[in-house]
Amino acid sequence: MSETHALGDEARRRLGFLSHAETAALAHRGVLLPFPDSVLVSQEVQVGEGVALWPNVVLQAQEGGGIVIGRETQIFPGARIVASGGVVRIGALAEIGEEGGFTIKAGPGEIIEIGDGARLLGGGSLTLSNRIGRGAQILGPIRCQNCTLGDGNSYRDPDPNARGGVLKGAGVARNIDIPTGSVIQAFGLFAEGIVRPQSYFHPKSAG
């Protein structure tokens, strides 16, 4: 082991993360790690088979917190998921952090749930307790606190009004509840935004 790796492993140990070798060994459990030296994962984190951890990802569970990530979810560069006494549960086939990373932080007693096929991108964040339903989306640098986005199909579904709830734009979303097939687009306070059907932005074809 090089001196650089040895020093890095000591820092990882003191911060509660797996060593370089332990992180790389996640590949034996089916985790995809294109560049394991740049990934930080706590011992308590549960990562499903086929999950992709791209460079500069941090998965940190501390103070009794827990993180569970379902199979084949993609955690893109710059994403940071922290459970400091809280719980973060991410379903299968989700996409977290494309186009600028994403931050998810659950403090003591807080629960953040992200459903199968959800998509969170563009540098936003989830803090406090949130439920991001199956197929739901957060698109843009949006700070979400105590929000609920309804379950639905993924963004690939041809019927936009059957998709999970969506927040899009930039700003702060507090105590927002978006039903299935609905969206708020806002630039500022989402509480002042209008809930619209997703077909408003993505009209269904006549054919």
C-alpha atoms as a PDB file:
ATOM      1  CA  MET A   1       0.000   0.000   0.000  1.00  0.00           C
ATOM      2  CA  SER A   2       1.327   3.471  -0.883  1.00  0.00           C
ATOM      3  CA  GLU A   3       1.800   6.105   1.806  1.00  0.00           C
ATOM      4  CA  THR A   4      -0.926   8.189   0.162  1.00  0.00           C
ATOM      5  CA  HIS A   5      -3.419   5.322   0.393  1.00  0.00           C
ATOM      6  CA  ALA A   6      -2.373   4.580   3.970  1.00  0.00           C
ATOM      7  CA  LEU A   7      -2.948   8.187   5.013  1.00  0.00           C
ATOM      8  CA  GLY A   8      -6.215   8.258   3.107  1.00  0.00           C
ATOM      9  CA  ASP A   9      -7.381   5.072   4.820  1.00  0.00           C
ATOM     10  CA  GLU A  10      -6.607   6.522   8.228  1.00  0.00           C
ATOM     11  CA  ALA A  11      -8.675   9.600   7.414  1.00  0.00           C
ATOM     12  CA  ARG A  12     -11.491   7.409   6.099  1.00  0.00           C
ATOM     13  CA  ARG A  13     -11.438   5.301   9.273  1.00  0.00           C
ATOM     14  CA  ARG A  14     -11.580   8.357  11.532  1.00  0.00           C
ATOM     15  CA  LEU A  15     -14.494   9.750   9.535  1.00  0.00           C
ATOM     16  CA  GLY A  16     -16.373   6.432   9.618  1.00  0.00           C
ATOM     17  CA  PHE A  17     -15.901   5.411   5.976  1.00  0.00           C
ATOM     18  CA  LEU A  18     -14.762   2.160   4.385  1.00  0.00           C
ATOM     19  CA  SER A  19     -11.100   1.906   3.377  1.00  0.00           C
ATOM     20  CA  HIS A  20     -10.052   2.093  -0.275  1.00  0.00           C
ATOM     21  CA  ALA A  21      -9.886  -1.713  -0.459  1.00  0.00           C
ATOM     22  CA  GLU A  22     -13.232  -2.195   1.320  1.00  0.00           C
ATOM     23  CA  THR A  23     -14.891   0.291  -1.025  1.00  0.00           C
ATOM     24  CA  ALA A  24     -13.483  -1.454  -4.118  1.00  0.00           C
ATOM     25  CA  ALA A  25     -14.667  -4.790  -2.689  1.00  0.00           C
ATOM     26  CA  LEU A  26     -18.280  -3.613  -2.985  1.00  0.00           C
ATOM     27  CA  ALA A  27     -17.909  -4.680  -6.629  1.00  0.00           C
ATOM     28  CA  HIS A  28     -17.949  -8.298  -5.444  1.00  0.00           C
ATOM     29  CA  ARG A  29     -21.510  -7.652  -4.232  1.00  0.00           C
ATOM     30  CA  GLY A  30     -22.592  -6.338  -7.632  1.00  0.00           C
ATOM     31  CA  VAL A  31     -22.060  -2.609  -7.025  1.00  0.00           C
ATOM     32  CA  LEU A  32     -20.696  -0.708 -10.047  1.00  0.00           C
ATOM     33  CA  LEU A  33     -17.746   1.543  -9.160  1.00  0.00           C
ATOM     34  CA  PRO A  34     -15.982   3.088 -12.170  1.00  0.00           C
ATOM     35  CA  PHE A  35     -13.568   4.980  -9.892  1.00  0.00           C
ATOM     36  CA  PRO A  36     -13.751   3.636  -6.310  1.00  0.00           C
ATOM     37  CA  ASP A  37     -10.936   5.835  -4.966  1.00  0.00           C
ATOM     38  CA  SER A  38     -13.216   8.891  -5.247  1.00  0.00           C
ATOM     39  CA  VAL A  39     -16.230   7.319  -3.487  1.00  0.00           C
ATOM     40  CA  LEU A  40     -16.888   7.475   0.278  1.00  0.00           C
ATOM     41  CA  VAL A  41     -19.248   4.907   1.819  1.00  0.00           C
ATOM     42  CA  SER A  42     -19.977   4.328   5.505  1.00  0.00           C
ATOM     43  CA  GLN A  43     -19.941   0.811   6.922  1.00  0.00           C
ATOM     44  CA  GLU A  44     -23.665   0.946   7.781  1.00  0.00           C
ATOM     45  CA  VAL A  45     -24.845   1.809   4.244  1.00  0.00           C
ATOM     46  CA  GLN A  46     -26.762  -0.939   2.411  1.00  0.00           C
ATOM     47  CA  VAL A  47     -26.284  -0.824  -1.359  1.00  0.00           C
ATOM     48  CA  GLY A  48     -28.246  -3.127  -3.678  1.00  0.00           C
ATOM     49  CA  GLU A  49     -26.964  -5.128  -6.609  1.00  0.00           C
ATOM     50  CA  GLY A  50     -26.384  -3.177  -9.790  1.00  0.00           C
ATOM     51  CA  VAL A  51     -26.240   0.211  -8.057  1.00  0.00           C
ATOM     52  CA  ALA A  52     -23.821   2.560  -9.847  1.00  0.00           C
ATOM     53  CA  LEU A  53     -21.738   4.854  -7.636  1.00  0.00           C
ATOM     54  CA  TRP A  54     -20.117   7.414  -9.910  1.00  0.00           C
ATOM     55  CA  PRO A  55     -17.052   9.502  -8.892  1.00  0.00           C
ATOM     56  CA  ASN A  56     -17.288  11.987  -6.012  1.00  0.00           C
ATOM     57  CA  VAL A  57     -20.277  10.307  -4.364  1.00  0.00           C
ATOM     58  CA  VAL A  58     -20.604  10.398  -0.559  1.00  0.00           C
ATOM     59  CA  LEU A  59     -22.858   7.975   1.335  1.00  0.00           C
ATOM     60  CA  GLN A  60     -22.515   8.790   5.033  1.00  0.00           C
ATOM     61  CA  ALA A  61     -24.449   7.128   7.861  1.00  0.00           C
ATOM     62  CA  GLN A  62     -23.598   8.314  11.364  1.00  0.00           C
ATOM     63  CA  GLU A  63     -25.039   8.735  14.863  1.00  0.00           C
ATOM     64  CA  GLY A  64     -27.217   5.654  14.402  1.00  0.00           C
ATOM     65  CA  GLY A  65     -28.564   6.736  11.016  1.00  0.00           C
ATOM     66  CA  GLY A  66     -29.135   4.391   8.084  1.00  0.00           C
ATOM     67  CA  ILE A  67     -29.056   4.513   4.286  1.00  0.00           C
ATOM     68  CA  VAL A  68     -30.583   1.842   2.034  1.00  0.00           C
ATOM     69  CA  ILE A  69     -30.279   2.033  -1.764  1.00  0.00           C
ATOM     70  CA  GLY A  70     -32.278  -0.314  -3.996  1.00  0.00           C
ATOM     71  CA  ARG A  71     -31.014  -2.279  -6.962  1.00  0.00           C
ATOM     72  CA  GLU A  72     -29.811  -0.627 -10.173  1.00  0.00           C
ATOM     73  CA  THR A  73     -30.148   2.896  -8.861  1.00  0.00           C
ATOM     74  CA  GLN A  74     -27.728   5.432 -10.333  1.00  0.00           C
ATOM     75  CA  ILE A  75     -25.962   7.825  -7.947  1.00  0.00           C
ATOM     76  CA  PHE A  76     -24.312  10.387 -10.216  1.00  0.00           C
ATOM     77  CA  PRO A  77     -21.168  12.507  -9.594  1.00  0.00           C
ATOM     78  CA  GLY A  78     -21.440  15.058  -6.829  1.00  0.00           C
ATOM     79  CA  ALA A  79     -24.340  13.422  -4.986  1.00  0.00           C
ATOM     80  CA  ARG A  80     -24.115  13.453  -1.177  1.00  0.00           C
ATOM     81  CA  ILE A  81     -26.454  11.376   0.964  1.00  0.00           C
ATOM     82  CA  VAL A  82     -26.166  11.757   4.736  1.00  0.00           C
ATOM     83  CA  ALA A  83     -28.154  10.091   7.518  1.00  0.00           C
ATOM     84  CA  SER A  84     -27.159  11.692  10.828  1.00  0.00           C
ATOM     85  CA  GLY A  85     -29.508   9.901  13.204  1.00  0.00           C
ATOM     86  CA  GLY A  86     -32.195   9.703  10.516  1.00  0.00           C
ATOM     87  CA  VAL A  87     -33.041   7.292   7.718  1.00  0.00           C
ATOM     88  CA  VAL A  88     -32.741   7.590   3.935  1.00  0.00           C
ATOM     89  CA  ARG A  89     -34.407   4.883   1.846  1.00  0.00           C
ATOM     90  CA  ILE A  90     -34.016   4.933  -1.936  1.00  0.00           C
ATOM     91  CA  GLY A  91     -35.869   2.428  -4.121  1.00  0.00           C
ATOM     92  CA  ALA A  92     -34.775   0.564  -7.224  1.00  0.00           C
ATOM     93  CA  LEU A  93     -33.937   2.133 -10.590  1.00  0.00           C
ATOM     94  CA  ALA A  94     -33.838   5.684  -9.228  1.00  0.00           C
ATOM     95  CA  GLU A  95     -31.588   8.396 -10.686  1.00  0.00           C
ATOM     96  CA  ILE A  96     -29.947  10.733  -8.179  1.00  0.00           C
ATOM     97  CA  GLY A  97     -27.705  13.690  -8.969  1.00  0.00           C
ATOM     98  CA  GLU A  98     -27.418  13.989 -12.729  1.00  0.00           C
ATOM     99  CA  GLU A  99     -26.815  17.516 -14.050  1.00  0.00           C
ATOM    100  CA  GLY A 100     -25.143  19.009 -11.005  1.00  0.00           C
ATOM    101  CA  GLY A 101     -25.312  16.578  -8.103  1.00  0.00           C
ATOM    102  CA  PHE A 102     -27.887  16.389  -5.310  1.00  0.00           C
ATOM    103  CA  THR A 103     -27.821  16.560  -1.488  1.00  0.00           C
ATOM    104  CA  ILE A 104     -30.005  14.421   0.790  1.00  0.00           C
ATOM    105  CA  LYS A 105     -29.720  14.883   4.573  1.00  0.00           C
ATOM    106  CA  ALA A 106     -31.820  13.184   7.248  1.00  0.00           C
ATOM    107  CA  GLY A 107     -31.246  14.370  10.817  1.00  0.00           C
ATOM    108  CA  PRO A 108     -32.342  12.753  14.085  1.00  0.00           C
ATOM    109  CA  GLY A 109     -35.798  11.191  13.770  1.00  0.00           C
ATOM    110  CA  GLU A 110     -36.205  12.267  10.141  1.00  0.00           C
ATOM    111  CA  ILE A 111     -37.135   9.877   7.337  1.00  0.00           C
ATOM    112  CA  ILE A 112     -36.537  10.542   3.653  1.00  0.00           C
ATOM    113  CA  GLU A 113     -38.116   8.026   1.294  1.00  0.00           C
ATOM    114  CA  ILE A 114     -37.472   8.006  -2.441  1.00  0.00           C
ATOM    115  CA  GLY A 115     -39.497   5.574  -4.525  1.00  0.00           C
ATOM    116  CA  ASP A 116     -38.612   3.252  -7.371  1.00  0.00           C
ATOM    117  CA  GLY A 117     -37.778   5.052 -10.595  1.00  0.00           C
ATOM    118  CA  ALA A 118     -37.668   8.524  -9.032  1.00  0.00           C
ATOM    119  CA  ARG A 119     -35.372  11.109 -10.614  1.00  0.00           C
ATOM    120  CA  LEU A 120     -33.669  13.912  -8.661  1.00  0.00           C
ATOM    121  CA  LEU A 121     -31.307  16.147 -10.613  1.00  0.00           C
ATOM    122  CA  GLY A 122     -29.888  19.602 -11.063  1.00  0.00           C
ATOM    123  CA  GLY A 123     -28.228  20.400  -7.744  1.00  0.00           C
ATOM    124  CA  GLY A 124     -31.272  20.343  -5.463  1.00  0.00           C
ATOM    125  CA  SER A 125     -31.597  19.046  -1.912  1.00  0.00           C
ATOM    126  CA  LEU A 126     -33.869  17.166   0.466  1.00  0.00           C
ATOM    127  CA  THR A 127     -33.749  17.998   4.172  1.00  0.00           C
ATOM    128  CA  LEU A 128     -36.081  17.234   7.075  1.00  0.00           C
ATOM    129  CA  SER A 129     -38.603  14.466   6.263  1.00  0.00           C
ATOM    130  CA  ASN A 130     -39.770  13.970   2.675  1.00  0.00           C
ATOM    131  CA  ARG A 131     -41.569  11.310   0.659  1.00  0.00           C
ATOM    132  CA  ILE A 132     -40.647  11.354  -3.022  1.00  0.00           C
ATOM    133  CA  GLY A 133     -42.988   8.807  -4.562  1.00  0.00           C
ATOM    134  CA  ARG A 134     -42.466   6.150  -7.176  1.00  0.00           C
ATOM    135  CA  GLY A 135     -41.636   7.798 -10.511  1.00  0.00           C
ATOM    136  CA  ALA A 136     -41.606  11.312  -9.003  1.00  0.00           C
ATOM    137  CA  GLN A 137     -39.111  13.972 -10.076  1.00  0.00           C
ATOM    138  CA  ILE A 138     -37.285  17.013  -8.720  1.00  0.00           C
ATOM    139  CA  LEU A 139     -35.785  18.926 -11.632  1.00  0.00           C
ATOM    140  CA  GLY A 140     -33.493  21.799 -10.787  1.00  0.00           C
ATOM    141  CA  PRO A 141     -31.805  23.473  -7.805  1.00  0.00           C
ATOM    142  CA  ILE A 142     -34.794  23.172  -5.467  1.00  0.00           C
ATOM    143  CA  ARG A 143     -34.469  23.007  -1.664  1.00  0.00           C
ATOM    144  CA  CYS A 144     -37.173  20.603  -0.517  1.00  0.00           C
ATOM    145  CA  GLN A 145     -38.302  20.346   3.101  1.00  0.00           C
ATOM    146  CA  ASN A 146     -41.212  18.213   4.299  1.00  0.00           C
ATOM    147  CA  CYS A 147     -42.502  17.618   0.771  1.00  0.00           C
ATOM    148  CA  THR A 148     -44.607  14.768  -0.591  1.00  0.00           C
ATOM    149  CA  LEU A 149     -44.612  13.874  -4.293  1.00  0.00           C
ATOM    150  CA  GLY A 150     -47.233  11.345  -5.321  1.00  0.00           C
ATOM    151  CA  ASP A 151     -46.573   7.880  -6.717  1.00  0.00           C
ATOM    152  CA  GLY A 152     -46.890   7.299 -10.439  1.00  0.00           C
ATOM    153  CA  ASN A 153     -45.135   5.914 -13.458  1.00  0.00           C
ATOM    154  CA  SER A 154     -41.657   7.023 -14.499  1.00  0.00           C
ATOM    155  CA  TYR A 155     -40.864  10.029 -16.684  1.00  0.00           C
ATOM    156  CA  ARG A 156     -40.628   7.626 -19.615  1.00  0.00           C
ATOM    157  CA  ASP A 157     -44.367   6.890 -19.515  1.00  0.00           C
ATOM    158  CA  PRO A 158     -46.068   8.330 -22.623  1.00  0.00           C
ATOM    159  CA  ASP A 159     -48.987   9.593 -20.513  1.00  0.00           C
ATOM    160  CA  PRO A 160     -47.615  12.542 -18.512  1.00  0.00           C
ATOM    161  CA  ASN A 161     -50.625  12.564 -16.210  1.00  0.00           C
ATOM    162  CA  ALA A 162     -49.812   9.025 -15.067  1.00  0.00           C
ATOM    163  CA  ARG A 163     -46.309   9.942 -13.942  1.00  0.00           C
ATOM    164  CA  GLY A 164     -45.182  10.618 -10.383  1.00  0.00           C
ATOM    165  CA  GLY A 165     -45.468  14.158  -9.015  1.00  0.00           C
ATOM    166  CA  VAL A 166     -42.935  16.761 -10.194  1.00  0.00           C
ATOM    167  CA  LEU A 167     -41.258  19.904  -8.929  1.00  0.00           C
ATOM    168  CA  LYS A 168     -39.318  21.823 -11.572  1.00  0.00           C
ATOM    169  CA  GLY A 169     -37.505  25.148 -11.605  1.00  0.00           C
ATOM    170  CA  ALA A 170     -35.467  26.693  -8.781  1.00  0.00           C
ATOM    171  CA  GLY A 171     -36.107  27.890  -5.264  1.00  0.00           C
ATOM    172  CA  VAL A 172     -37.528  26.639  -1.974  1.00  0.00           C
ATOM    173  CA  ALA A 173     -40.321  24.071  -1.569  1.00  0.00           C
ATOM    174  CA  ARG A 174     -41.656  23.638   1.986  1.00  0.00           C
ATOM    175  CA  ASN A 175     -44.613  21.487   2.973  1.00  0.00           C
ATOM    176  CA  ILE A 176     -45.603  20.933  -0.657  1.00  0.00           C
ATOM    177  CA  ASP A 177     -47.871  18.030  -1.667  1.00  0.00           C
ATOM    178  CA  ILE A 178     -47.942  17.165  -5.375  1.00  0.00           C
ATOM    179  CA  PRO A 179     -50.478  14.543  -6.513  1.00  0.00           C
ATOM    180  CA  THR A 180     -49.820  11.916  -9.175  1.00  0.00           C
ATOM    181  CA  GLY A 181     -49.628  13.419 -12.659  1.00  0.00           C
ATOM    182  CA  SER A 182     -49.216  16.974 -11.349  1.00  0.00           C
ATOM    183  CA  VAL A 183     -46.396  19.520 -11.388  1.00  0.00           C
ATOM    184  CA  ILE A 184     -45.411  22.874  -9.944  1.00  0.00           C
ATOM    185  CA  GLN A 185     -42.950  24.948 -11.941  1.00  0.00           C
ATOM    186  CA  ALA A 186     -41.628  27.885  -9.934  1.00  0.00           C
ATOM    187  CA  PHE A 187     -38.621  30.172  -9.555  1.00  0.00           C
ATOM    188  CA  GLY A 188     -38.631  31.301  -5.940  1.00  0.00           C
ATOM    189  CA  LEU A 189     -41.191  30.026  -3.431  1.00  0.00           C
ATOM    190  CA  PHE A 190     -43.006  26.908  -4.611  1.00  0.00           C
ATOM    191  CA  ALA A 191     -45.815  27.587  -2.126  1.00  0.00           C
ATOM    192  CA  GLU A 192     -46.802  30.435  -4.458  1.00  0.00           C
ATOM    193  CA  GLY A 193     -46.727  28.207  -7.545  1.00  0.00           C
ATOM    194  CA  ILE A 194     -49.684  26.725  -9.404  1.00  0.00           C
ATOM    195  CA  VAL A 195     -50.342  22.982  -9.416  1.00  0.00           C
ATOM    196  CA  ARG A 196     -50.935  21.936 -13.006  1.00  0.00           C
ATOM    197  CA  PRO A 197     -51.392  18.607 -14.806  1.00  0.00           C
ATOM    198  CA  GLN A 198     -48.134  17.487 -16.381  1.00  0.00           C
ATOM    199  CA  SER A 199     -49.835  17.456 -19.775  1.00  0.00           C
ATOM    200  CA  TYR A 200     -49.781  21.279 -19.529  1.00  0.00           C
ATOM    201  CA  PHE A 201     -46.036  21.074 -20.273  1.00  0.00           C
ATOM    202  CA  HIS A 202     -46.105  17.782 -22.189  1.00  0.00           C
ATOM    203  CA  PRO A 203     -49.295  17.618 -24.254  1.00  0.00           C
ATOM    204  CA  LYS A 204     -50.361  14.112 -25.166  1.00  0.00           C
ATOM    205  CA  SER A 205     -50.305  13.394 -28.886  1.00  0.00           C
ATOM    206  CA  ALA A 206     -53.661  13.177 -30.625  1.00  0.00           C
ATOM    207  CA  GLY A 207     -52.744   9.833 -32.143  1.00  0.00           C
END
